[in-house]
Protein backbone atom coordinates (compact mmCIF):
# COMPACT_ATOMS: atom_id res chain seq x y z
CA UNK A 1 79.26 36.90 177.79
CA UNK A 2 78.26 38.15 182.06
CA UNK A 3 79.00 41.83 182.33
CA UNK A 4 82.84 42.56 184.17
CA UNK A 5 82.93 44.44 187.17
CA UNK A 6 85.67 47.91 186.93
CA UNK A 7 86.68 50.54 188.75
CA UNK A 8 85.36 53.81 187.45
CA UNK A 9 87.90 55.84 189.09
CA UNK A 10 90.92 53.23 187.93
CA UNK A 11 91.94 53.76 184.32
CA UNK A 12 93.20 56.74 182.86
CA UNK A 13 91.72 56.73 179.53
CA UNK A 14 89.96 54.53 177.34
CA UNK A 15 92.90 52.86 176.30
CA UNK A 16 93.71 51.80 179.57
CA UNK A 17 90.29 50.62 180.59
CA UNK A 18 90.86 48.52 176.57
CA UNK A 19 94.09 46.71 178.28
CA UNK A 20 91.45 45.65 181.51
CA UNK A 21 89.55 44.45 179.45
CA UNK A 22 91.70 42.47 177.01
CA UNK A 23 93.29 41.07 180.92
CA UNK A 24 90.20 40.35 181.99
CA UNK A 25 88.69 38.95 179.20
CA UNK A 26 91.86 36.65 179.00
CA UNK A 27 92.51 36.50 175.19
CA UNK A 28 95.29 36.87 172.79
CA UNK A 29 95.87 41.20 172.17
CA UNK A 30 96.99 40.24 169.07
CA UNK A 31 93.39 38.45 168.26
CA UNK A 32 91.25 40.65 170.11
CA UNK A 33 87.39 39.78 169.60
CA UNK A 34 85.73 42.24 168.75
CA UNK A 35 82.23 41.33 169.59
CA UNK A 36 83.37 40.71 173.06
CA UNK A 37 85.81 43.74 173.90
CA UNK A 38 82.86 46.15 172.23
CA UNK A 39 80.43 44.84 174.95
CA UNK A 40 82.21 45.04 176.94
CA UNK A 41 83.65 48.54 177.06
CA UNK A 42 79.63 49.93 176.42
CA UNK A 43 78.34 48.09 178.94
CA UNK A 44 81.38 50.17 181.39
CA UNK A 45 80.03 54.11 179.23
CA UNK A 46 76.33 52.96 180.45
CA UNK A 47 77.30 52.08 184.04
CA UNK A 48 78.66 55.63 184.12
CA UNK A 49 75.44 57.72 182.75
CA UNK A 50 73.66 55.43 185.64
CA UNK A 51 75.91 56.70 188.21
CA UNK A 52 75.34 60.10 186.17
CA UNK A 53 79.39 60.86 185.89
CA UNK A 54 80.58 62.77 182.82
CA UNK A 55 81.67 60.75 180.51
CA UNK A 56 85.47 62.35 178.80
CA UNK A 57 85.04 62.77 175.02
CA UNK A 58 88.41 60.00 174.36
CA UNK A 59 86.30 57.05 175.63
CA UNK A 60 82.91 58.22 173.29
CA UNK A 61 85.16 58.65 170.50
CA UNK A 62 87.44 54.83 171.57
CA UNK A 63 83.58 53.79 171.33
CA UNK A 64 82.80 55.11 167.72
CA UNK A 65 86.42 53.46 166.62
CA UNK A 66 84.99 49.82 168.13
CA UNK A 67 82.23 49.56 166.91
CA UNK A 68 83.65 51.22 163.87
CA UNK A 69 86.25 47.71 163.78
CA UNK A 70 83.14 45.68 164.36
CA UNK A 71 81.37 46.44 162.06
CA UNK A 72 84.16 46.21 159.06
CA UNK A 73 85.14 42.67 161.04
CA UNK A 74 81.69 41.74 159.46
CA UNK A 75 82.02 42.24 156.04
CA UNK A 76 83.70 40.65 153.26
CA UNK A 77 87.70 42.73 154.41
CA UNK A 78 89.84 43.64 151.22
CA UNK A 79 92.91 42.12 150.36
CA UNK A 80 96.49 43.23 150.43
CA UNK A 81 100.27 42.82 150.45
CA UNK A 82 101.55 41.55 153.54
CA UNK A 83 105.76 42.31 153.76
CA UNK A 84 106.17 39.01 151.48
CA UNK A 85 104.65 40.13 149.20
CA UNK A 86 101.38 37.67 149.33
CA UNK A 87 98.55 38.56 149.12
CA UNK A 88 96.40 38.68 153.01
CA UNK A 89 93.34 40.07 154.34
CA UNK A 90 93.43 43.57 155.29
CA UNK A 91 92.64 43.11 159.54
CA UNK A 92 90.43 45.55 160.95
CA UNK A 93 92.26 45.62 163.84
CA UNK A 94 95.83 46.08 163.14
CA UNK A 95 95.32 49.64 164.64
CA UNK A 96 93.89 49.64 166.94
CA UNK A 97 96.64 46.81 168.08
CA UNK A 98 99.64 48.70 167.49
CA UNK A 99 98.14 52.55 169.78
CA UNK A 100 97.91 49.41 172.37
CA UNK A 101 100.81 47.90 172.47
CA UNK A 102 102.62 51.21 172.64
CA UNK A 103 100.28 52.30 175.08
CA UNK A 104 101.11 49.33 176.99
CA UNK A 105 104.91 50.47 176.40
CA UNK A 106 104.36 53.84 178.00
CA UNK A 107 102.61 52.19 180.71
CA UNK A 108 106.22 50.08 181.04
CA UNK A 109 108.56 53.31 181.47
CA UNK A 110 106.27 54.90 184.01
CA UNK A 111 106.30 52.63 186.54
CA UNK A 112 110.52 52.20 186.38
CA UNK A 113 110.47 56.34 186.63
CA UNK A 114 107.99 55.93 189.31
CA UNK A 115 110.06 52.40 190.86
CA UNK A 116 113.29 55.52 190.38
CA UNK A 117 111.29 58.23 191.88
CA UNK A 118 110.09 56.01 194.96
CA UNK A 119 113.79 54.99 195.19
CA UNK A 120 115.06 58.60 195.71
CA UNK A 121 112.77 60.10 197.89
CA UNK A 122 114.66 57.19 200.37
CA UNK A 123 117.68 59.46 200.44
CA UNK A 124 118.57 62.66 201.66
CA UNK A 125 120.65 64.92 200.97
CA UNK A 126 122.25 68.21 202.41
CA UNK A 127 124.24 71.21 200.68
CA UNK A 128 128.21 70.79 201.03
CA UNK A 129 130.01 72.24 203.88
CA UNK A 130 132.53 74.93 204.22
CA UNK A 131 134.66 72.70 205.96
CA UNK A 132 138.01 74.53 205.63
CA UNK A 133 138.42 75.90 208.92
CA UNK A 134 138.99 71.68 209.36
CA UNK A 135 141.89 71.72 206.84
CA UNK A 136 145.48 70.86 208.39
CA UNK A 137 148.37 70.49 207.24
CA UNK A 138 149.67 66.37 207.48
CA UNK A 139 152.88 66.14 207.53
CA UNK A 140 155.51 63.46 206.04
CA UNK A 141 156.39 60.23 207.27
CA UNK A 142 160.38 60.27 208.45
CA UNK A 143 162.62 59.92 205.50
CA UNK A 144 159.99 61.10 202.78
CA UNK A 145 160.64 64.19 200.76
CA UNK A 146 158.35 66.65 198.57
CA UNK A 147 158.47 68.06 195.48
CA UNK A 148 159.03 71.37 197.48
CA UNK A 149 162.10 70.34 199.41
CA UNK A 150 163.53 69.48 196.36
CA UNK A 151 162.47 72.88 194.79
CA UNK A 152 163.92 74.49 197.81
CA UNK A 153 166.68 72.40 197.81
CA UNK A 154 168.12 73.05 193.88
CA UNK A 155 167.38 76.99 195.19
CA UNK A 156 169.85 76.91 197.86
CA UNK A 157 172.74 75.84 195.69
CA UNK A 158 171.60 77.74 192.42
CA UNK A 159 172.13 80.96 195.38
CA UNK A 160 175.22 79.40 196.58
CA UNK A 161 176.75 78.88 193.13
CA UNK A 162 175.71 82.28 192.16
CA UNK A 163 177.97 83.67 194.69
CA UNK A 164 180.88 82.10 194.81
CA UNK A 165 180.84 82.82 190.77
CA UNK A 166 183.20 86.12 189.50
CA UNK A 167 182.40 89.06 188.31
CA UNK A 168 183.95 88.73 184.78
CA UNK A 169 183.60 84.57 183.42
CA UNK A 170 184.12 83.57 179.72
CA UNK A 171 181.56 80.06 180.37
CA UNK A 172 182.06 77.58 178.10
CA UNK A 173 179.54 74.33 178.75
CA UNK A 174 178.68 70.95 176.89
CA UNK A 175 175.30 70.41 176.10
CA UNK A 176 173.66 67.16 176.97
CA UNK A 177 170.16 65.52 177.04
CA UNK A 178 168.05 64.02 180.05
CA UNK A 179 168.30 60.63 178.73
CA UNK A 180 172.31 61.32 179.16
CA UNK A 181 172.00 62.48 182.84
CA UNK A 182 170.12 60.17 183.37
CA UNK A 183 172.83 58.10 183.24
CA UNK A 184 175.46 59.41 184.73
CA UNK A 185 173.03 59.92 188.01
CA UNK A 186 173.00 55.94 187.92
CA UNK A 187 176.51 56.13 186.88
CA UNK A 188 177.11 58.28 189.98
CA UNK A 189 174.76 56.48 192.46
CA UNK A 190 176.92 52.64 191.13
CA UNK A 191 180.36 53.74 191.37
CA UNK A 192 179.95 55.40 194.91
CA UNK A 193 181.03 53.42 197.85
CA UNK A 194 178.17 54.36 199.37
CA UNK A 195 175.86 53.44 196.66
CA UNK A 196 174.14 56.98 196.81
CA UNK A 197 175.46 60.22 196.06
CA UNK A 198 174.26 63.57 197.55
CA UNK A 199 171.68 65.99 196.01
CA UNK A 200 174.03 68.31 194.45
CA UNK A 201 176.61 65.87 193.31
CA UNK A 202 173.54 65.13 190.32
CA UNK A 203 174.69 68.34 188.80
CA UNK A 204 177.98 67.90 186.70
CA UNK A 205 178.69 71.93 185.82
CA UNK A 206 177.27 75.08 186.74
CA UNK A 207 175.02 76.58 184.01
CA UNK A 208 171.09 77.61 183.93
CA UNK A 209 170.81 75.04 181.37
CA UNK A 210 172.75 72.87 182.74
CA UNK A 211 171.10 72.94 186.60
CA UNK A 212 167.43 72.65 184.40
CA UNK A 213 168.41 69.87 182.75
CA UNK A 214 170.18 67.57 185.53
CA UNK A 215 166.95 68.49 187.17
CA UNK A 216 164.48 67.37 185.32
CA UNK A 217 166.42 64.07 184.95
CA UNK A 218 166.76 63.23 188.34
CA UNK A 219 162.17 63.40 188.43
CA UNK A 220 162.17 61.37 184.95
CA UNK A 221 164.33 58.50 187.67
CA UNK A 222 161.69 59.41 189.99
CA UNK A 223 158.50 58.91 188.10
CA UNK A 224 160.83 55.65 186.04
CA UNK A 225 160.80 54.31 189.94
CA UNK A 226 164.59 53.89 188.90
CA UNK A 227 165.60 56.14 192.09
CA UNK A 228 164.20 57.73 195.30
CA UNK A 229 165.17 60.53 196.94
CA UNK A 230 165.62 60.30 201.36
CA UNK A 231 166.66 62.29 203.92
CA UNK A 232 166.75 60.83 207.41
CA UNK A 233 166.15 63.78 209.72
CA UNK A 234 164.71 67.20 208.69
CA UNK A 235 167.61 69.54 206.88
CA UNK A 236 170.06 67.06 206.63
CA UNK A 237 171.57 66.69 203.16
CA UNK A 238 168.84 65.09 200.12
CA UNK A 239 170.27 61.90 199.20
CA UNK A 240 169.66 60.12 196.21
CA UNK A 241 169.92 56.18 196.15
CA UNK A 242 168.63 53.10 193.77
CA UNK A 243 165.80 51.86 195.10
CA UNK A 244 166.89 48.46 195.32
CA UNK A 245 169.25 49.37 198.27
CA UNK A 246 167.24 51.57 200.36
CA UNK A 247 166.74 51.13 203.68
CA UNK A 248 164.93 54.26 205.11
CA UNK A 249 160.93 55.23 203.53
CA UNK A 250 161.51 56.97 200.71
CA UNK A 251 158.69 59.36 197.85
C-alpha cells in the first residue's frame, strides 16, 4: 500500500494524526485495519527522523500501543460476555476506538468555541458613559395626572381639614374596608349628573383612617382600570371619572 503524504506541522498529537490517517484510508473508525494504520503511522515517524525533527514522547507511546494492538489482532482473542450476556471475542481495538471518539468530541467542541471567538471579535464594546448631564424631566401630556400630583392634593386636603377642626372634640367614626370605599366611589360617580366627582368627594370622613383607606381604594380602582383621574389644566381641580365616560387624556 502506498504511503500517505502528511504535513508534519498539521497535527497536535498522536490522536490527531490517527484521525487524519483513518480519514485518508477511508475506513470505518469502528473497524480499523490495524496493519495499514500502524504502517502509515510508523512511516510518519520515520519521515520525522529523516528530517531530523524531535519526536515527542506521546508519538512514541502511541506507536508502541499500535504495535501491541496489531500483535493482539494476529493471535486468538479471548472470549468475553457482551451486554446481552452472549459470548463474543474481545476486540483489542476497542480502547483505541473509544479514545479516538472522545478526541473527536473535543475537536468538535474546540471548533465551536473557535467560531464563537471569531464571531465575538467582530463586535466592539466600550465602558458605559455617564449621561446624567443629559437627563431631562419629561413633562406629562395635557390631562395627565401623576402619583406625585395625587399625593400633593391629598396633603393639601388634609392640611385644610386640620385647620377646620376645633381644638377639642370627641371623634367617632366607622371603620370601612377598602372594598366598601371602592364601591362608594363608583356609586358617587354614577349618581352625579356630570358622571364625575372631585378628588375631595372621594373621602367621606375627615379622620386619618378614612383618608388613608379612601386613598387606597382610589388607587386600587385605578389599577383595575375602573376609574381614571384627569386634570384639564395645571392647578385646576382633579376629577375622578369612570373609564367608559372619559373624554380627556388621563392616566
